[in-house]
Amino acid sequence: MLKAVKVKPNSKIQKITEEADGSLNVHLKSHPVDGKANDELIKLLAEKFNVPKSYVTIKSGLSSRQKLVEIDV
């Protein structure tokens, strides 16, 4: 399953909200430095969809706030 994800790093709380079009807004505590925010994003999405972290792949947007993420369920 492919999901469009909009990431907001440096948030006070971690949360995932789903938009009407099926895309996700993800608030992360991590700073976007050295891939820390991407690692936190993968961990949160794996927990939300109840899959191992290895099943979550960022397909595009590694250094962008707009990402395309593939989740194998």
C-alpha atoms as a PDB file:
ATOM      1  CA  MET A   1       0.000   0.000   0.000  1.00  0.00           C
ATOM      2  CA  LEU A   2       1.357   3.441  -0.928  1.00  0.00           C
ATOM      3  CA  LYS A   3       0.604   6.411   1.329  1.00  0.00           C
ATOM      4  CA  ALA A   4       1.264  10.099   0.816  1.00  0.00           C
ATOM      5  CA  VAL A   5       2.729  11.454   4.040  1.00  0.00           C
ATOM      6  CA  LYS A   6       3.277  15.037   5.163  1.00  0.00           C
ATOM      7  CA  VAL A   7       5.828  15.202   7.968  1.00  0.00           C
ATOM      8  CA  LYS A   8       6.156  17.931  10.577  1.00  0.00           C
ATOM      9  CA  PRO A   9       9.431  17.497  12.513  1.00  0.00           C
ATOM     10  CA  ASN A  10      10.236  19.238  15.831  1.00  0.00           C
ATOM     11  CA  SER A  11       6.688  18.842  17.167  1.00  0.00           C
ATOM     12  CA  LYS A  12       5.980  18.711  20.877  1.00  0.00           C
ATOM     13  CA  ILE A  13       4.001  15.482  20.561  1.00  0.00           C
ATOM     14  CA  GLN A  14       3.991  12.502  18.217  1.00  0.00           C
ATOM     15  CA  LYS A  15       0.728  11.943  16.397  1.00  0.00           C
ATOM     16  CA  ILE A  16      -0.639  10.626  13.129  1.00  0.00           C
ATOM     17  CA  THR A  17      -3.802  12.026  11.565  1.00  0.00           C
ATOM     18  CA  GLU A  18      -5.478  10.765   8.407  1.00  0.00           C
ATOM     19  CA  GLU A  19      -6.921  13.212   5.886  1.00  0.00           C
ATOM     20  CA  ALA A  20     -10.119  12.639   3.896  1.00  0.00           C
ATOM     21  CA  ASP A  21      -8.093  11.751   0.782  1.00  0.00           C
ATOM     22  CA  GLY A  22      -6.252   8.957   2.633  1.00  0.00           C
ATOM     23  CA  SER A  23      -2.976  10.833   3.086  1.00  0.00           C
ATOM     24  CA  LEU A  24      -1.334  11.058   6.498  1.00  0.00           C
ATOM     25  CA  ASN A  25      -0.075  14.017   8.542  1.00  0.00           C
ATOM     26  CA  VAL A  26       2.635  12.880  10.941  1.00  0.00           C
ATOM     27  CA  HIS A  27       4.010  15.048  13.753  1.00  0.00           C
ATOM     28  CA  LEU A  28       7.469  13.927  14.894  1.00  0.00           C
ATOM     29  CA  LYS A  29       9.545  14.938  17.906  1.00  0.00           C
ATOM     30  CA  SER A  30      12.859  14.351  16.124  1.00  0.00           C
ATOM     31  CA  HIS A  31      14.884  16.990  14.318  1.00  0.00           C
ATOM     32  CA  PRO A  32      15.386  16.443  10.569  1.00  0.00           C
ATOM     33  CA  VAL A  33      19.110  15.769  11.052  1.00  0.00           C
ATOM     34  CA  ASP A  34      21.062  12.633  10.063  1.00  0.00           C
ATOM     35  CA  GLY A  35      17.873  10.770   9.137  1.00  0.00           C
ATOM     36  CA  LYS A  36      16.497  10.811  12.701  1.00  0.00           C
ATOM     37  CA  ALA A  37      13.074  12.079  11.613  1.00  0.00           C
ATOM     38  CA  ASN A  38      12.855   9.424   8.875  1.00  0.00           C
ATOM     39  CA  ASP A  39      13.750   6.702  11.388  1.00  0.00           C
ATOM     40  CA  GLU A  40      11.067   7.959  13.775  1.00  0.00           C
ATOM     41  CA  LEU A  41       8.543   8.104  10.904  1.00  0.00           C
ATOM     42  CA  ILE A  42       9.231   4.475   9.953  1.00  0.00           C
ATOM     43  CA  LYS A  43       8.894   3.379  13.587  1.00  0.00           C
ATOM     44  CA  LEU A  44       5.566   5.220  14.072  1.00  0.00           C
ATOM     45  CA  LEU A  45       4.043   3.927  10.831  1.00  0.00           C
ATOM     46  CA  ALA A  46       5.119   0.364  11.662  1.00  0.00           C
ATOM     47  CA  GLU A  47       3.371   0.649  15.038  1.00  0.00           C
ATOM     48  CA  LYS A  48       0.218   2.193  13.520  1.00  0.00           C
ATOM     49  CA  PHE A  49      -0.162  -0.502  10.848  1.00  0.00           C
ATOM     50  CA  ASN A  50       1.090  -3.288  13.149  1.00  0.00           C
ATOM     51  CA  VAL A  51       3.906  -4.434  10.849  1.00  0.00           C
ATOM     52  CA  PRO A  52       7.673  -4.829  11.356  1.00  0.00           C
ATOM     53  CA  LYS A  53       9.778  -1.731  10.599  1.00  0.00           C
ATOM     54  CA  SER A  54      11.344  -3.578   7.651  1.00  0.00           C
ATOM     55  CA  TYR A  55       7.910  -3.531   5.945  1.00  0.00           C
ATOM     56  CA  VAL A  56       7.900   0.298   5.803  1.00  0.00           C
ATOM     57  CA  THR A  57       9.912   1.961   3.015  1.00  0.00           C
ATOM     58  CA  ILE A  58      10.222   5.624   2.079  1.00  0.00           C
ATOM     59  CA  LYS A  59       9.923   5.535  -1.720  1.00  0.00           C
ATOM     60  CA  SER A  60      10.445   9.249  -2.377  1.00  0.00           C
ATOM     61  CA  GLY A  61      11.026  12.446  -0.424  1.00  0.00           C
ATOM     62  CA  LEU A  62      13.855  11.348   1.896  1.00  0.00           C
ATOM     63  CA  SER A  63      14.893  14.974   2.443  1.00  0.00           C
ATOM     64  CA  SER A  64      11.442  16.519   1.971  1.00  0.00           C
ATOM     65  CA  ARG A  65       8.393  17.003   4.178  1.00  0.00           C
ATOM     66  CA  GLN A  66       6.223  15.443   1.474  1.00  0.00           C
ATOM     67  CA  LYS A  67       6.968  11.721   1.274  1.00  0.00           C
ATOM     68  CA  LEU A  68       5.634   8.663  -0.488  1.00  0.00           C
ATOM     69  CA  VAL A  69       5.772   5.651   1.805  1.00  0.00           C
ATOM     70  CA  GLU A  70       5.178   2.000   0.928  1.00  0.00           C
ATOM     71  CA  ILE A  71       3.805  -0.274   3.640  1.00  0.00           C
ATOM     72  CA  ASP A  72       3.708  -4.031   3.044  1.00  0.00           C
ATOM     73  CA  VAL A  73       0.709  -5.444   4.888  1.00  0.00           C
END
